[in-house]
Amino acid sequence: MGVLLMLMTIGGLVVAGVLLVIAFITGKGWLRNFVLGGVAVWFVFYAVLLIGASVFSTEKTLAFDEPKAFCGFYFDCHLHTAVKDVRTTKTLGDRTAKGMFHVVKVEVFSDAVQAKLGLTTLGANVVDSGDEHYHRDWEAEALLPSQPDFEKLIGPEEHFVKEIVFDLPADVKNPRLDLREGFGIDHVIETVLVGDEDSILHKRNYFKLTEQNLASGVK
C-alpha cells in the first residue's frame, strides 16, 4: 500500500503542476485555489496515514532461522536474510576483544523464480536494551576466512552464508542485530513511505543474538 500511495502522490503532483500552469495562463483563480486545496488535503491525509502506520507498528525480534525479507524497488521481496548461528570468543587471530567478540553467521537466500538478485549496501549494527548501537569490527572480521560480500548476486533458490563480527561488552543486555539495506537516497524515500520499516517513527525488525548456547572459540 505504501508504494501505491507514493506513486499516487507523485502522479497527483504532476497533474497538479499541469493544472496550476493552466490556471496561471488562463487566469482562472478558482482552478488555482481548487488545485492548491486538493494538494493540501491530500498531504494532510498522507501524513495521518504515515504517522498512524508508524505509531501503531510493533517491534519484532526474529528468532534464529526466522527470515527477514528485503524488497528491491519496493515490490519484489525475494531476497531474505536470517541469523543461523552466533559464536563468542575473547580472541580472534591476534586481536583481543574489549568485551567479547560475537561472530554472527548470516544467511542470504532468494526465492525468485528467474532473476539473479543481490542486496544493496546492506548495513549491520547491534542494538542493546539501552538503545546503544555497536558497529561491525572490520579489523577482526578481516581475520576470518574469505567469504562473499552481502551484495553478491544469487539466482533462484540460491543462498550463501557470511560471518560478521561485533565487539560487544561482556555484560551486554539483549543484543539484537539490525540489518538495513539501501543507499542514502533509498533511506530518504523510505522515511516517508507508509508502512515501511524505515519510515519515520516506525518500529524495526531485529534478529535476536542470544537465543541459543554460544560456544567459545572460533575455528
N, C-alpha and C. Protein backbone atom coordinates (compact mmCIF):
# COMPACT_ATOMS: atom_id res chain seq x y z
N MET A 1 0.81 -1.20 0.00
CA MET A 1 0.00 0.00 0.00
C MET A 1 0.85 1.26 0.00
N GLY A 2 1.96 1.23 0.74
CA GLY A 2 2.82 2.39 0.84
C GLY A 2 3.35 2.85 -0.50
N VAL A 3 3.77 1.87 -1.35
CA VAL A 3 4.32 2.22 -2.66
C VAL A 3 3.23 2.82 -3.55
N LEU A 4 2.04 2.23 -3.51
CA LEU A 4 0.94 2.75 -4.32
C LEU A 4 0.58 4.17 -3.91
N LEU A 5 0.56 4.42 -2.60
CA LEU A 5 0.27 5.78 -2.13
C LEU A 5 1.34 6.76 -2.58
N MET A 6 2.59 6.31 -2.55
CA MET A 6 3.68 7.17 -3.00
C MET A 6 3.55 7.48 -4.49
N LEU A 7 3.22 6.45 -5.30
CA LEU A 7 3.05 6.66 -6.74
C LEU A 7 1.87 7.59 -7.01
N MET A 8 0.79 7.40 -6.25
CA MET A 8 -0.37 8.29 -6.41
C MET A 8 0.00 9.73 -6.07
N THR A 9 0.83 9.90 -5.04
CA THR A 9 1.25 11.24 -4.64
C THR A 9 2.08 11.89 -5.73
N ILE A 10 3.04 11.14 -6.28
CA ILE A 10 3.89 11.69 -7.33
C ILE A 10 3.05 12.02 -8.57
N GLY A 11 2.15 11.08 -8.97
CA GLY A 11 1.30 11.33 -10.12
C GLY A 11 0.38 12.52 -9.89
N GLY A 12 -0.16 12.62 -8.68
CA GLY A 12 -1.04 13.75 -8.36
C GLY A 12 -0.31 15.07 -8.42
N LEU A 13 0.94 15.10 -7.97
CA LEU A 13 1.71 16.34 -8.02
C LEU A 13 1.99 16.76 -9.46
N VAL A 14 2.24 15.78 -10.33
CA VAL A 14 2.46 16.10 -11.74
C VAL A 14 1.20 16.73 -12.34
N VAL A 15 0.04 16.09 -12.09
CA VAL A 15 -1.23 16.62 -12.59
C VAL A 15 -1.50 18.00 -12.00
N ALA A 16 -1.23 18.15 -10.70
CA ALA A 16 -1.46 19.45 -10.05
C ALA A 16 -0.58 20.53 -10.66
N GLY A 17 0.66 20.17 -10.99
CA GLY A 17 1.56 21.13 -11.62
C GLY A 17 1.04 21.60 -12.97
N VAL A 18 0.54 20.63 -13.75
CA VAL A 18 -0.01 20.98 -15.07
C VAL A 18 -1.22 21.90 -14.91
N LEU A 19 -2.11 21.56 -13.98
CA LEU A 19 -3.31 22.38 -13.77
C LEU A 19 -2.97 23.78 -13.26
N LEU A 20 -1.93 23.88 -12.45
CA LEU A 20 -1.53 25.21 -11.97
C LEU A 20 -0.99 26.07 -13.10
N VAL A 21 -0.27 25.44 -14.02
CA VAL A 21 0.22 26.18 -15.18
C VAL A 21 -0.95 26.69 -16.02
N ILE A 22 -1.94 25.80 -16.21
CA ILE A 22 -3.13 26.20 -16.97
C ILE A 22 -3.86 27.34 -16.26
N ALA A 23 -3.99 27.23 -14.93
CA ALA A 23 -4.66 28.27 -14.17
C ALA A 23 -3.92 29.59 -14.28
N PHE A 24 -2.60 29.54 -14.28
CA PHE A 24 -1.80 30.77 -14.39
C PHE A 24 -1.95 31.40 -15.77
N ILE A 25 -1.94 30.56 -16.81
CA ILE A 25 -2.04 31.08 -18.18
C ILE A 25 -3.43 31.67 -18.44
N THR A 26 -4.46 30.98 -17.98
CA THR A 26 -5.84 31.40 -18.25
C THR A 26 -6.37 32.39 -17.23
N GLY A 27 -5.64 32.56 -16.14
CA GLY A 27 -6.07 33.48 -15.11
C GLY A 27 -7.27 32.99 -14.31
N LYS A 28 -7.47 31.68 -14.27
CA LYS A 28 -8.61 31.11 -13.54
C LYS A 28 -8.23 30.89 -12.08
N GLY A 29 -8.61 31.85 -11.24
CA GLY A 29 -8.27 31.76 -9.83
C GLY A 29 -8.94 30.60 -9.13
N TRP A 30 -10.17 30.28 -9.54
CA TRP A 30 -10.87 29.16 -8.89
C TRP A 30 -10.15 27.85 -9.11
N LEU A 31 -9.56 27.67 -10.31
CA LEU A 31 -8.83 26.44 -10.60
C LEU A 31 -7.57 26.35 -9.75
N ARG A 32 -6.87 27.50 -9.64
CA ARG A 32 -5.67 27.53 -8.80
C ARG A 32 -6.01 27.18 -7.35
N ASN A 33 -7.07 27.78 -6.82
CA ASN A 33 -7.45 27.50 -5.44
C ASN A 33 -7.89 26.06 -5.24
N PHE A 34 -8.60 25.54 -6.24
CA PHE A 34 -9.06 24.15 -6.16
C PHE A 34 -7.87 23.19 -6.11
N VAL A 35 -6.89 23.43 -6.97
CA VAL A 35 -5.71 22.56 -7.03
C VAL A 35 -4.92 22.65 -5.73
N LEU A 36 -4.65 23.85 -5.25
CA LEU A 36 -3.88 24.03 -4.03
C LEU A 36 -4.61 23.42 -2.83
N GLY A 37 -5.92 23.58 -2.80
CA GLY A 37 -6.70 22.98 -1.72
C GLY A 37 -6.66 21.47 -1.76
N GLY A 38 -6.78 20.91 -2.97
CA GLY A 38 -6.72 19.46 -3.12
C GLY A 38 -5.37 18.89 -2.69
N VAL A 39 -4.29 19.58 -3.08
CA VAL A 39 -2.94 19.14 -2.68
C VAL A 39 -2.79 19.18 -1.17
N ALA A 40 -3.28 20.25 -0.54
CA ALA A 40 -3.18 20.38 0.91
C ALA A 40 -3.94 19.27 1.62
N VAL A 41 -5.15 18.98 1.16
CA VAL A 41 -5.95 17.91 1.77
C VAL A 41 -5.25 16.58 1.62
N TRP A 42 -4.68 16.32 0.43
CA TRP A 42 -4.01 15.04 0.21
C TRP A 42 -2.80 14.89 1.14
N PHE A 43 -2.01 15.95 1.29
CA PHE A 43 -0.82 15.84 2.14
C PHE A 43 -1.18 15.64 3.60
N VAL A 44 -2.27 16.26 4.05
CA VAL A 44 -2.73 16.02 5.41
C VAL A 44 -3.15 14.56 5.57
N PHE A 45 -3.90 14.05 4.59
CA PHE A 45 -4.34 12.65 4.59
C PHE A 45 -3.14 11.71 4.60
N TYR A 46 -2.14 12.01 3.76
CA TYR A 46 -0.94 11.17 3.67
C TYR A 46 -0.16 11.18 4.99
N ALA A 47 -0.03 12.37 5.58
CA ALA A 47 0.71 12.49 6.84
C ALA A 47 0.03 11.70 7.95
N VAL A 48 -1.31 11.73 7.99
CA VAL A 48 -2.05 10.97 9.00
C VAL A 48 -1.80 9.48 8.82
N LEU A 49 -1.83 9.00 7.56
CA LEU A 49 -1.57 7.58 7.30
C LEU A 49 -0.13 7.21 7.67
N LEU A 50 0.81 8.06 7.31
CA LEU A 50 2.23 7.80 7.58
C LEU A 50 2.50 7.69 9.08
N ILE A 51 2.07 8.69 9.83
CA ILE A 51 2.32 8.69 11.27
C ILE A 51 1.49 7.60 11.96
N GLY A 52 0.26 7.41 11.50
CA GLY A 52 -0.59 6.38 12.10
C GLY A 52 -0.01 4.99 11.94
N ALA A 53 0.46 4.68 10.73
CA ALA A 53 1.04 3.35 10.48
C ALA A 53 2.27 3.12 11.35
N SER A 54 3.06 4.17 11.57
CA SER A 54 4.27 4.04 12.38
C SER A 54 3.94 3.92 13.87
N VAL A 55 3.02 4.75 14.34
CA VAL A 55 2.67 4.74 15.76
C VAL A 55 2.09 3.39 16.17
N PHE A 56 1.29 2.79 15.30
CA PHE A 56 0.66 1.53 15.63
C PHE A 56 1.47 0.30 15.20
N SER A 57 2.68 0.52 14.68
CA SER A 57 3.55 -0.61 14.34
C SER A 57 4.13 -1.21 15.62
N THR A 58 4.59 -2.43 15.54
CA THR A 58 5.17 -3.11 16.70
C THR A 58 6.57 -3.62 16.38
N GLU A 59 7.45 -3.50 17.35
CA GLU A 59 8.80 -4.03 17.18
C GLU A 59 8.77 -5.55 17.22
N LYS A 60 9.58 -6.18 16.38
CA LYS A 60 9.63 -7.63 16.34
C LYS A 60 11.07 -8.10 16.42
N THR A 61 11.30 -9.13 17.19
CA THR A 61 12.62 -9.73 17.28
C THR A 61 12.56 -11.12 16.68
N LEU A 62 13.31 -11.33 15.60
CA LEU A 62 13.28 -12.58 14.86
C LEU A 62 14.19 -13.61 15.51
N ALA A 63 13.72 -14.83 15.61
CA ALA A 63 14.49 -15.91 16.19
C ALA A 63 15.50 -16.46 15.19
N PHE A 64 16.36 -17.36 15.63
CA PHE A 64 17.31 -17.99 14.73
C PHE A 64 16.55 -18.70 13.61
N ASP A 65 17.04 -18.55 12.40
CA ASP A 65 16.47 -19.14 11.18
C ASP A 65 15.17 -18.48 10.74
N GLU A 66 14.69 -17.47 11.46
CA GLU A 66 13.48 -16.77 11.03
C GLU A 66 13.88 -15.66 10.06
N PRO A 67 13.35 -15.68 8.83
CA PRO A 67 13.84 -14.77 7.78
C PRO A 67 13.23 -13.37 7.85
N LYS A 68 13.98 -12.44 7.28
CA LYS A 68 13.51 -11.08 7.07
C LYS A 68 13.63 -10.78 5.58
N ALA A 69 12.56 -10.27 4.97
CA ALA A 69 12.54 -10.02 3.53
C ALA A 69 13.04 -8.61 3.22
N PHE A 70 13.72 -8.48 2.08
CA PHE A 70 14.15 -7.19 1.57
C PHE A 70 13.56 -7.01 0.18
N CYS A 71 12.98 -5.86 -0.07
CA CYS A 71 12.20 -5.63 -1.29
C CYS A 71 12.93 -4.72 -2.27
N GLY A 72 13.45 -5.28 -3.34
CA GLY A 72 14.05 -4.47 -4.39
C GLY A 72 12.98 -3.68 -5.11
N PHE A 73 13.25 -2.40 -5.35
CA PHE A 73 12.29 -1.49 -5.98
C PHE A 73 10.97 -1.47 -5.22
N TYR A 74 10.98 -1.95 -3.95
CA TYR A 74 9.82 -1.92 -3.06
C TYR A 74 8.70 -2.86 -3.50
N PHE A 75 8.94 -3.70 -4.50
CA PHE A 75 7.90 -4.62 -4.96
C PHE A 75 8.33 -6.08 -4.83
N ASP A 76 9.49 -6.43 -5.42
CA ASP A 76 9.91 -7.83 -5.47
C ASP A 76 10.66 -8.22 -4.20
N CYS A 77 9.93 -8.70 -3.22
CA CYS A 77 10.52 -9.06 -1.92
C CYS A 77 11.03 -10.50 -1.95
N HIS A 78 12.04 -10.75 -2.79
CA HIS A 78 12.52 -12.12 -2.99
C HIS A 78 13.78 -12.43 -2.19
N LEU A 79 14.52 -11.42 -1.80
CA LEU A 79 15.75 -11.65 -1.03
C LEU A 79 15.45 -11.67 0.46
N HIS A 80 16.08 -12.61 1.17
CA HIS A 80 15.85 -12.75 2.60
C HIS A 80 17.18 -12.94 3.32
N THR A 81 17.20 -12.56 4.58
CA THR A 81 18.33 -12.86 5.45
C THR A 81 17.81 -13.54 6.71
N ALA A 82 18.68 -14.32 7.33
CA ALA A 82 18.34 -14.98 8.60
C ALA A 82 19.63 -15.23 9.36
N VAL A 83 19.57 -15.11 10.67
CA VAL A 83 20.72 -15.44 11.51
C VAL A 83 20.72 -16.94 11.78
N LYS A 84 21.81 -17.59 11.42
CA LYS A 84 21.91 -19.04 11.57
C LYS A 84 22.61 -19.45 12.87
N ASP A 85 23.53 -18.62 13.32
CA ASP A 85 24.35 -19.04 14.46
C ASP A 85 25.08 -17.82 15.01
N VAL A 86 25.42 -17.87 16.29
CA VAL A 86 26.25 -16.84 16.92
C VAL A 86 27.29 -17.55 17.79
N ARG A 87 28.54 -17.14 17.63
CA ARG A 87 29.61 -17.68 18.48
C ARG A 87 30.31 -16.52 19.18
N THR A 88 30.80 -16.78 20.37
CA THR A 88 31.55 -15.75 21.09
C THR A 88 32.96 -16.23 21.37
N THR A 89 33.87 -15.28 21.41
CA THR A 89 35.26 -15.59 21.72
C THR A 89 35.95 -14.33 22.22
N LYS A 90 36.90 -14.47 23.10
CA LYS A 90 37.64 -13.32 23.61
C LYS A 90 38.72 -12.88 22.64
N THR A 91 39.26 -13.84 21.89
CA THR A 91 40.32 -13.52 20.93
C THR A 91 39.93 -14.01 19.54
N LEU A 92 40.43 -13.29 18.56
CA LEU A 92 40.23 -13.65 17.16
C LEU A 92 41.52 -13.33 16.43
N GLY A 93 42.24 -14.39 16.04
CA GLY A 93 43.56 -14.17 15.48
C GLY A 93 44.45 -13.52 16.51
N ASP A 94 45.07 -12.40 16.15
CA ASP A 94 45.94 -11.68 17.09
C ASP A 94 45.23 -10.53 17.79
N ARG A 95 43.90 -10.49 17.68
CA ARG A 95 43.13 -9.41 18.29
C ARG A 95 42.41 -9.90 19.54
N THR A 96 42.39 -9.06 20.56
CA THR A 96 41.67 -9.36 21.79
C THR A 96 40.52 -8.37 21.94
N ALA A 97 39.35 -8.88 22.21
CA ALA A 97 38.16 -8.03 22.30
C ALA A 97 38.20 -7.18 23.56
N LYS A 98 37.63 -5.99 23.47
CA LYS A 98 37.45 -5.16 24.66
C LYS A 98 36.43 -5.81 25.59
N GLY A 99 35.42 -6.44 24.97
CA GLY A 99 34.41 -7.19 25.72
C GLY A 99 34.46 -8.64 25.29
N MET A 100 33.55 -9.00 24.37
CA MET A 100 33.55 -10.32 23.76
C MET A 100 33.21 -10.18 22.28
N PHE A 101 33.99 -10.87 21.43
CA PHE A 101 33.65 -10.90 20.02
C PHE A 101 32.41 -11.75 19.83
N HIS A 102 31.42 -11.24 19.12
CA HIS A 102 30.25 -12.00 18.70
C HIS A 102 30.36 -12.21 17.19
N VAL A 103 30.54 -13.44 16.80
CA VAL A 103 30.66 -13.79 15.38
C VAL A 103 29.30 -14.30 14.93
N VAL A 104 28.64 -13.52 14.09
CA VAL A 104 27.27 -13.79 13.70
C VAL A 104 27.24 -14.35 12.28
N LYS A 105 26.67 -15.54 12.13
CA LYS A 105 26.56 -16.16 10.81
C LYS A 105 25.20 -15.79 10.22
N VAL A 106 25.23 -15.05 9.12
CA VAL A 106 24.02 -14.59 8.44
C VAL A 106 23.86 -15.32 7.11
N GLU A 107 22.68 -15.86 6.88
CA GLU A 107 22.38 -16.49 5.60
C GLU A 107 21.60 -15.52 4.72
N VAL A 108 21.95 -15.47 3.45
CA VAL A 108 21.22 -14.69 2.46
C VAL A 108 20.69 -15.66 1.42
N PHE A 109 19.40 -15.60 1.15
CA PHE A 109 18.83 -16.53 0.16
C PHE A 109 17.73 -15.86 -0.64
N SER A 110 17.40 -16.46 -1.78
CA SER A 110 16.43 -15.89 -2.71
C SER A 110 15.35 -16.92 -3.03
N ASP A 111 14.12 -16.44 -3.14
CA ASP A 111 13.04 -17.30 -3.61
C ASP A 111 12.49 -16.80 -4.95
N ALA A 112 13.33 -16.06 -5.69
CA ALA A 112 12.94 -15.57 -7.01
C ALA A 112 12.75 -16.74 -7.97
N VAL A 113 11.98 -16.51 -9.00
CA VAL A 113 11.70 -17.57 -9.98
C VAL A 113 12.77 -17.62 -11.06
N GLN A 114 13.23 -16.44 -11.52
CA GLN A 114 14.19 -16.42 -12.61
C GLN A 114 15.39 -15.51 -12.37
N ALA A 115 15.14 -14.28 -11.95
CA ALA A 115 16.18 -13.25 -11.93
C ALA A 115 17.26 -13.52 -10.89
N LYS A 116 18.48 -13.05 -11.22
CA LYS A 116 19.56 -13.01 -10.24
C LYS A 116 19.46 -11.68 -9.50
N LEU A 117 19.46 -11.76 -8.19
CA LEU A 117 19.28 -10.56 -7.38
C LEU A 117 20.39 -10.44 -6.34
N GLY A 118 20.59 -9.24 -5.85
CA GLY A 118 21.57 -9.01 -4.80
C GLY A 118 21.13 -7.88 -3.89
N LEU A 119 21.53 -7.95 -2.65
CA LEU A 119 21.23 -6.88 -1.71
C LEU A 119 22.00 -5.62 -2.09
N THR A 120 21.50 -4.47 -1.66
CA THR A 120 22.13 -3.19 -1.98
C THR A 120 22.65 -2.53 -0.72
N THR A 121 23.98 -2.47 -0.60
CA THR A 121 24.63 -1.77 0.51
C THR A 121 23.98 -2.13 1.85
N LEU A 122 24.11 -3.38 2.24
CA LEU A 122 23.49 -3.84 3.48
C LEU A 122 24.29 -3.36 4.68
N GLY A 123 23.64 -2.61 5.56
CA GLY A 123 24.28 -2.15 6.78
C GLY A 123 23.91 -3.05 7.94
N ALA A 124 24.84 -3.25 8.88
CA ALA A 124 24.60 -4.13 10.02
C ALA A 124 25.09 -3.48 11.29
N ASN A 125 24.23 -3.40 12.30
CA ASN A 125 24.56 -2.87 13.61
C ASN A 125 23.88 -3.72 14.67
N VAL A 126 24.42 -3.67 15.87
CA VAL A 126 23.80 -4.33 17.01
C VAL A 126 23.25 -3.28 17.96
N VAL A 127 22.05 -3.51 18.44
CA VAL A 127 21.39 -2.59 19.38
C VAL A 127 21.10 -3.35 20.67
N ASP A 128 21.41 -2.75 21.83
CA ASP A 128 21.14 -3.44 23.09
C ASP A 128 19.90 -2.86 23.76
N SER A 129 19.60 -3.35 24.96
CA SER A 129 18.38 -2.93 25.66
C SER A 129 18.39 -1.46 26.03
N GLY A 130 19.56 -0.85 26.12
CA GLY A 130 19.67 0.58 26.43
C GLY A 130 19.75 1.44 25.20
N ASP A 131 19.47 0.85 24.02
CA ASP A 131 19.50 1.54 22.73
C ASP A 131 20.90 2.02 22.36
N GLU A 132 21.91 1.35 22.89
CA GLU A 132 23.28 1.61 22.45
C GLU A 132 23.51 0.87 21.14
N HIS A 133 24.21 1.52 20.20
CA HIS A 133 24.47 0.92 18.89
C HIS A 133 25.94 0.54 18.77
N TYR A 134 26.18 -0.63 18.21
CA TYR A 134 27.54 -1.15 18.04
C TYR A 134 27.76 -1.48 16.57
N HIS A 135 28.87 -0.99 16.03
CA HIS A 135 29.18 -1.21 14.62
C HIS A 135 30.04 -2.46 14.45
N ARG A 136 30.11 -2.94 13.23
CA ARG A 136 30.93 -4.11 12.93
C ARG A 136 32.41 -3.82 13.21
N ASP A 137 33.11 -4.83 13.69
CA ASP A 137 34.56 -4.73 13.89
C ASP A 137 35.22 -5.25 12.62
N TRP A 138 35.51 -4.33 11.71
CA TRP A 138 36.01 -4.72 10.40
C TRP A 138 37.40 -5.36 10.50
N GLU A 139 38.23 -4.89 11.42
CA GLU A 139 39.58 -5.45 11.54
C GLU A 139 39.51 -6.89 12.03
N ALA A 140 38.66 -7.16 13.00
CA ALA A 140 38.51 -8.54 13.47
C ALA A 140 37.87 -9.41 12.39
N GLU A 141 36.93 -8.85 11.68
CA GLU A 141 36.23 -9.59 10.62
C GLU A 141 37.20 -10.00 9.50
N ALA A 142 38.21 -9.17 9.27
CA ALA A 142 39.19 -9.47 8.22
C ALA A 142 40.03 -10.70 8.55
N LEU A 143 40.04 -11.12 9.81
CA LEU A 143 40.80 -12.29 10.22
C LEU A 143 40.06 -13.60 9.95
N LEU A 144 38.80 -13.51 9.57
CA LEU A 144 38.02 -14.70 9.24
C LEU A 144 38.39 -15.19 7.84
N PRO A 145 38.09 -16.45 7.53
CA PRO A 145 38.33 -16.95 6.17
C PRO A 145 37.59 -16.11 5.14
N SER A 146 38.10 -16.12 3.90
CA SER A 146 37.48 -15.36 2.82
C SER A 146 36.02 -15.78 2.64
N GLN A 147 35.16 -14.78 2.42
CA GLN A 147 33.73 -15.05 2.30
C GLN A 147 33.09 -14.02 1.37
N PRO A 148 31.90 -14.30 0.86
CA PRO A 148 31.27 -13.40 -0.10
C PRO A 148 30.79 -12.10 0.54
N ASP A 149 30.61 -11.09 -0.31
CA ASP A 149 30.01 -9.84 0.13
C ASP A 149 28.50 -10.02 0.23
N PHE A 150 27.87 -9.22 1.07
CA PHE A 150 26.42 -9.27 1.18
C PHE A 150 25.74 -8.93 -0.15
N GLU A 151 26.41 -8.17 -1.00
CA GLU A 151 25.82 -7.72 -2.25
C GLU A 151 25.98 -8.73 -3.39
N LYS A 152 26.50 -9.90 -3.10
CA LYS A 152 26.67 -10.93 -4.13
C LYS A 152 25.34 -11.28 -4.79
N LEU A 153 25.35 -11.38 -6.13
CA LEU A 153 24.15 -11.75 -6.87
C LEU A 153 23.91 -13.25 -6.75
N ILE A 154 22.67 -13.62 -6.48
CA ILE A 154 22.31 -15.03 -6.39
C ILE A 154 21.06 -15.29 -7.23
N GLY A 155 21.01 -16.49 -7.78
CA GLY A 155 19.88 -16.87 -8.62
C GLY A 155 18.77 -17.52 -7.82
N PRO A 156 17.76 -18.02 -8.54
CA PRO A 156 16.62 -18.67 -7.88
C PRO A 156 17.06 -19.82 -6.98
N GLU A 157 16.55 -19.82 -5.76
CA GLU A 157 16.80 -20.87 -4.78
C GLU A 157 18.26 -20.96 -4.34
N GLU A 158 19.08 -19.97 -4.68
CA GLU A 158 20.48 -19.98 -4.24
C GLU A 158 20.59 -19.30 -2.88
N HIS A 159 21.71 -19.58 -2.20
CA HIS A 159 21.95 -18.94 -0.90
C HIS A 159 23.44 -18.94 -0.61
N PHE A 160 23.84 -18.13 0.36
CA PHE A 160 25.20 -18.17 0.87
C PHE A 160 25.17 -17.70 2.31
N VAL A 161 26.25 -17.96 3.04
CA VAL A 161 26.36 -17.50 4.42
C VAL A 161 27.58 -16.61 4.56
N LYS A 162 27.47 -15.67 5.47
CA LYS A 162 28.55 -14.72 5.72
C LYS A 162 28.63 -14.46 7.21
N GLU A 163 29.83 -14.44 7.76
CA GLU A 163 30.03 -14.14 9.17
C GLU A 163 30.47 -12.69 9.34
N ILE A 164 29.84 -12.01 10.29
CA ILE A 164 30.21 -10.65 10.63
C ILE A 164 30.53 -10.60 12.12
N VAL A 165 31.37 -9.64 12.52
CA VAL A 165 31.91 -9.62 13.88
C VAL A 165 31.58 -8.31 14.58
N PHE A 166 31.18 -8.44 15.84
CA PHE A 166 30.94 -7.28 16.70
C PHE A 166 31.69 -7.49 18.01
N ASP A 167 32.30 -6.43 18.50
CA ASP A 167 32.95 -6.44 19.81
C ASP A 167 31.97 -5.82 20.80
N LEU A 168 31.28 -6.67 21.56
CA LEU A 168 30.23 -6.20 22.46
C LEU A 168 30.70 -6.30 23.92
N PRO A 169 30.19 -5.42 24.78
CA PRO A 169 30.53 -5.52 26.21
C PRO A 169 30.17 -6.90 26.75
N ALA A 170 30.97 -7.39 27.68
CA ALA A 170 30.73 -8.72 28.24
C ALA A 170 29.38 -8.82 28.93
N ASP A 171 28.90 -7.69 29.46
CA ASP A 171 27.62 -7.69 30.18
C ASP A 171 26.48 -7.10 29.35
N VAL A 172 26.60 -7.12 28.03
CA VAL A 172 25.59 -6.53 27.16
C VAL A 172 24.23 -7.18 27.40
N LYS A 173 23.18 -6.38 27.41
CA LYS A 173 21.83 -6.87 27.66
C LYS A 173 21.01 -6.87 26.36
N ASN A 174 20.45 -8.00 26.07
CA ASN A 174 19.53 -8.16 24.94
C ASN A 174 20.08 -7.59 23.63
N PRO A 175 21.25 -8.06 23.19
CA PRO A 175 21.77 -7.58 21.91
C PRO A 175 20.94 -8.11 20.75
N ARG A 176 20.63 -7.23 19.79
CA ARG A 176 19.84 -7.61 18.61
C ARG A 176 20.50 -7.04 17.37
N LEU A 177 20.52 -7.83 16.32
CA LEU A 177 21.13 -7.40 15.07
C LEU A 177 20.11 -6.64 14.22
N ASP A 178 20.52 -5.48 13.73
CA ASP A 178 19.68 -4.67 12.86
C ASP A 178 20.32 -4.64 11.48
N LEU A 179 19.64 -5.19 10.47
CA LEU A 179 20.11 -5.17 9.10
C LEU A 179 19.25 -4.18 8.30
N ARG A 180 19.92 -3.30 7.58
CA ARG A 180 19.21 -2.26 6.82
C ARG A 180 19.87 -2.12 5.45
N GLU A 181 19.04 -2.15 4.40
CA GLU A 181 19.54 -2.13 3.03
C GLU A 181 19.32 -0.76 2.40
N GLY A 182 20.20 -0.41 1.44
CA GLY A 182 19.94 0.75 0.61
C GLY A 182 20.96 1.86 0.72
N PHE A 183 20.96 2.73 -0.30
CA PHE A 183 21.79 3.93 -0.30
C PHE A 183 21.10 5.03 0.48
N GLY A 184 21.76 6.19 0.56
CA GLY A 184 21.19 7.33 1.27
C GLY A 184 19.86 7.78 0.68
N ILE A 185 19.76 7.80 -0.66
CA ILE A 185 18.52 8.25 -1.30
C ILE A 185 17.39 7.28 -0.99
N ASP A 186 17.71 5.97 -0.88
CA ASP A 186 16.68 4.99 -0.52
C ASP A 186 16.13 5.28 0.87
N HIS A 187 17.01 5.62 1.78
CA HIS A 187 16.57 5.90 3.16
C HIS A 187 15.71 7.15 3.23
N VAL A 188 16.03 8.14 2.38
CA VAL A 188 15.20 9.36 2.34
C VAL A 188 13.79 9.02 1.86
N ILE A 189 13.71 8.23 0.78
CA ILE A 189 12.40 7.84 0.25
C ILE A 189 11.62 7.04 1.28
N GLU A 190 12.30 6.08 1.92
CA GLU A 190 11.62 5.20 2.87
C GLU A 190 11.16 5.94 4.11
N THR A 191 11.77 7.06 4.41
CA THR A 191 11.34 7.85 5.57
C THR A 191 9.88 8.25 5.45
N VAL A 192 9.40 8.49 4.21
CA VAL A 192 8.03 8.94 4.01
C VAL A 192 7.20 7.89 3.27
N LEU A 193 7.61 6.63 3.33
CA LEU A 193 6.87 5.54 2.68
C LEU A 193 5.98 4.87 3.73
N VAL A 194 4.69 4.99 3.56
CA VAL A 194 3.73 4.49 4.56
C VAL A 194 3.93 3.00 4.80
N GLY A 195 4.11 2.62 6.07
CA GLY A 195 4.21 1.22 6.45
C GLY A 195 5.58 0.61 6.28
N ASP A 196 6.54 1.35 5.74
CA ASP A 196 7.89 0.81 5.56
C ASP A 196 8.62 0.79 6.90
N GLU A 197 9.44 -0.23 7.10
CA GLU A 197 10.18 -0.37 8.36
C GLU A 197 11.07 0.84 8.63
N ASP A 198 11.57 1.48 7.57
CA ASP A 198 12.46 2.62 7.72
C ASP A 198 11.74 3.96 7.70
N SER A 199 10.40 3.95 7.70
CA SER A 199 9.67 5.21 7.71
C SER A 199 9.75 5.85 9.10
N ILE A 200 9.47 7.12 9.16
CA ILE A 200 9.63 7.89 10.39
C ILE A 200 8.81 7.28 11.54
N LEU A 201 9.46 7.07 12.67
CA LEU A 201 8.85 6.55 13.91
C LEU A 201 8.44 5.08 13.84
N HIS A 202 8.67 4.41 12.71
CA HIS A 202 8.23 3.02 12.58
C HIS A 202 9.13 2.09 13.39
N LYS A 203 8.53 1.08 14.03
CA LYS A 203 9.29 0.11 14.79
C LYS A 203 10.03 -0.84 13.84
N ARG A 204 11.15 -1.39 14.31
CA ARG A 204 12.00 -2.19 13.44
C ARG A 204 11.90 -3.68 13.75
N ASN A 205 12.37 -4.49 12.80
CA ASN A 205 12.50 -5.93 12.97
C ASN A 205 13.97 -6.25 13.21
N TYR A 206 14.27 -6.82 14.36
CA TYR A 206 15.64 -7.17 14.72
C TYR A 206 15.82 -8.68 14.72
N PHE A 207 17.11 -9.10 14.72
CA PHE A 207 17.45 -10.50 14.89
C PHE A 207 18.02 -10.71 16.30
N LYS A 208 17.46 -11.64 17.02
CA LYS A 208 17.95 -11.93 18.36
C LYS A 208 19.29 -12.67 18.27
N LEU A 209 20.21 -12.36 19.20
CA LEU A 209 21.55 -12.94 19.14
C LEU A 209 21.88 -13.81 20.35
N THR A 210 20.95 -14.01 21.24
CA THR A 210 21.27 -14.72 22.49
C THR A 210 20.32 -15.89 22.76
N GLU A 211 19.72 -16.43 21.73
CA GLU A 211 18.69 -17.44 21.96
C GLU A 211 19.22 -18.84 22.12
N GLN A 212 20.40 -19.11 21.55
CA GLN A 212 20.93 -20.46 21.65
C GLN A 212 22.25 -20.42 22.41
N ASN A 213 22.75 -21.60 22.77
CA ASN A 213 24.00 -21.67 23.51
C ASN A 213 25.14 -21.14 22.64
N LEU A 214 25.93 -20.25 23.20
CA LEU A 214 27.04 -19.67 22.48
C LEU A 214 28.32 -20.41 22.84
N ALA A 215 28.99 -20.92 21.81
CA ALA A 215 30.20 -21.69 22.04
C ALA A 215 31.42 -20.80 21.90
N SER A 216 32.32 -20.85 22.87
CA SER A 216 33.52 -20.02 22.81
C SER A 216 34.51 -20.63 21.81
N GLY A 217 35.27 -19.71 21.20
CA GLY A 217 36.29 -20.14 20.26
C GLY A 217 35.80 -20.09 18.84
N VAL A 218 36.65 -19.61 17.94
CA VAL A 218 36.34 -19.56 16.52
C VAL A 218 37.39 -20.33 15.78
N LYS A 219 36.93 -21.28 14.97
CA LYS A 219 37.87 -22.10 14.22
C LYS A 219 37.99 -21.58 12.79
